[in-house]
Amino acid sequence: MKNKSFFLTVAVCTTIAAGGAIFSQAPTVIYEGAPVVNISRRHGNLQAAQKFIVQAFQRVDRAQRANQGQLAGHAQKAKEFLIAADAELKLAAEVSNAEGR
């Protein structure tokens, strides 16, 4: 049981280190973590779009694992775009809130 936790710790640390290296190459923004649904029902269309982004991110992640990461970096790039799209939707909702809509 002790070996399992050691290997899990190593895997998590490796993933974090690899993720940091990938995200640090982003042109202007460093993204952290997976997309989340954090837009209220007040903006139903934006919230729905965000839900689809989260689902797409999860599917791409599954594809990476199923293909043992051998997708030539394209799946990772897609995940980065999904993270950026998620953030942009949140900003759109915040702008709408600020304008009283």
Protein backbone atom coordinates (compact mmCIF):
# COMPACT_ATOMS: atom_id res chain seq x y z
CA MET A 1 0.00 0.00 0.00
CA LYS A 2 2.89 2.33 0.79
CA ASN A 3 4.30 1.86 -2.73
CA LYS A 4 0.97 2.88 -4.28
CA SER A 5 0.98 6.22 -2.50
CA PHE A 6 4.62 6.80 -3.47
CA PHE A 7 3.90 6.14 -7.14
CA LEU A 8 0.78 8.30 -6.99
CA THR A 9 2.80 11.13 -5.48
CA VAL A 10 5.45 10.79 -8.17
CA ALA A 11 2.79 10.73 -10.89
CA VAL A 12 1.07 13.84 -9.53
CA CYS A 13 4.37 15.73 -9.20
CA THR A 14 5.39 14.73 -12.71
CA THR A 15 2.04 15.84 -14.10
CA ILE A 16 2.25 19.18 -12.31
CA ALA A 17 5.80 19.75 -13.52
CA ALA A 18 4.89 18.85 -17.11
CA GLY A 19 1.81 21.02 -16.97
CA GLY A 20 3.81 23.94 -15.68
CA ALA A 21 6.30 23.59 -18.52
CA ILE A 22 3.52 23.49 -21.11
CA PHE A 23 1.59 26.42 -19.68
CA SER A 24 4.69 28.53 -19.17
CA GLN A 25 5.10 28.61 -22.96
CA ALA A 26 1.75 30.36 -23.44
CA PRO A 27 2.25 33.71 -25.18
CA THR A 28 0.69 36.09 -22.65
CA VAL A 29 -1.38 34.22 -20.06
CA ILE A 30 -0.47 31.30 -17.83
CA TYR A 31 -3.46 29.05 -17.32
CA GLU A 32 -3.92 26.85 -14.30
CA GLY A 33 -6.14 23.84 -13.91
CA ALA A 34 -9.01 22.46 -15.87
CA PRO A 35 -11.99 24.51 -17.00
CA VAL A 36 -14.86 24.82 -14.54
CA VAL A 37 -18.48 25.93 -14.69
CA ASN A 38 -18.47 29.16 -12.71
CA ILE A 39 -21.07 31.25 -14.55
CA SER A 40 -24.47 31.63 -12.93
CA ARG A 41 -27.80 30.66 -14.49
CA ARG A 42 -28.36 34.38 -15.01
CA HIS A 43 -26.29 33.94 -18.17
CA GLY A 44 -27.80 30.65 -19.33
CA ASN A 45 -26.21 30.56 -22.78
CA LEU A 46 -22.75 31.36 -21.46
CA GLN A 47 -23.17 28.80 -18.68
CA ALA A 48 -24.26 26.14 -21.19
CA ALA A 49 -21.26 26.91 -23.40
CA GLN A 50 -19.01 26.60 -20.36
CA LYS A 51 -20.52 23.20 -19.53
CA PHE A 52 -19.72 22.00 -23.05
CA ILE A 53 -16.15 23.24 -22.69
CA VAL A 54 -15.76 21.27 -19.47
CA GLN A 55 -17.14 18.16 -21.18
CA ALA A 56 -14.84 18.63 -24.17
CA PHE A 57 -11.83 19.07 -21.89
CA GLN A 58 -12.69 15.85 -20.07
CA ARG A 59 -13.08 13.95 -23.36
CA VAL A 60 -9.75 15.21 -24.69
CA ASP A 61 -8.13 14.21 -21.41
CA ARG A 62 -9.60 10.72 -21.73
CA ALA A 63 -8.36 10.51 -25.31
CA GLN A 64 -4.86 11.44 -24.16
CA ARG A 65 -4.91 8.71 -21.55
CA ALA A 66 -6.38 6.14 -23.95
CA ASN A 67 -3.66 6.93 -26.48
CA GLN A 68 -0.99 7.07 -23.79
CA GLY A 69 -0.21 10.69 -24.57
CA GLN A 70 0.89 9.92 -28.13
CA LEU A 71 -1.14 12.54 -29.95
CA ALA A 72 1.85 14.69 -30.94
CA GLY A 73 0.89 17.45 -28.50
CA HIS A 74 -2.26 18.35 -30.41
CA ALA A 75 -4.63 17.17 -27.69
CA GLN A 76 -2.72 19.19 -25.10
CA LYS A 77 -2.92 22.27 -27.31
CA ALA A 78 -6.68 21.73 -27.66
CA LYS A 79 -6.96 21.56 -23.86
CA GLU A 80 -5.09 24.85 -23.58
CA PHE A 81 -7.53 26.47 -26.01
CA LEU A 82 -10.47 25.09 -24.01
CA ILE A 83 -9.01 26.57 -20.81
CA ALA A 84 -8.67 29.93 -22.56
CA ALA A 85 -12.22 29.75 -23.93
CA ASP A 86 -13.54 28.95 -20.46
CA ALA A 87 -11.80 32.00 -19.03
CA GLU A 88 -13.11 34.23 -21.82
CA LEU A 89 -16.70 33.13 -21.19
CA LYS A 90 -16.30 33.99 -17.51
CA LEU A 91 -14.99 37.43 -18.47
CA ALA A 92 -17.96 37.93 -20.81
CA ALA A 93 -20.36 37.16 -17.97
CA GLU A 94 -18.51 39.54 -15.66
CA VAL A 95 -18.69 42.36 -18.22
CA SER A 96 -22.39 41.74 -18.62
CA ASN A 97 -22.84 41.84 -14.84
CA ALA A 98 -20.89 45.09 -14.61
CA GLU A 99 -23.16 46.65 -17.21
CA GLY A 100 -26.23 45.61 -15.24
CA ARG A 101 -27.45 42.95 -17.65
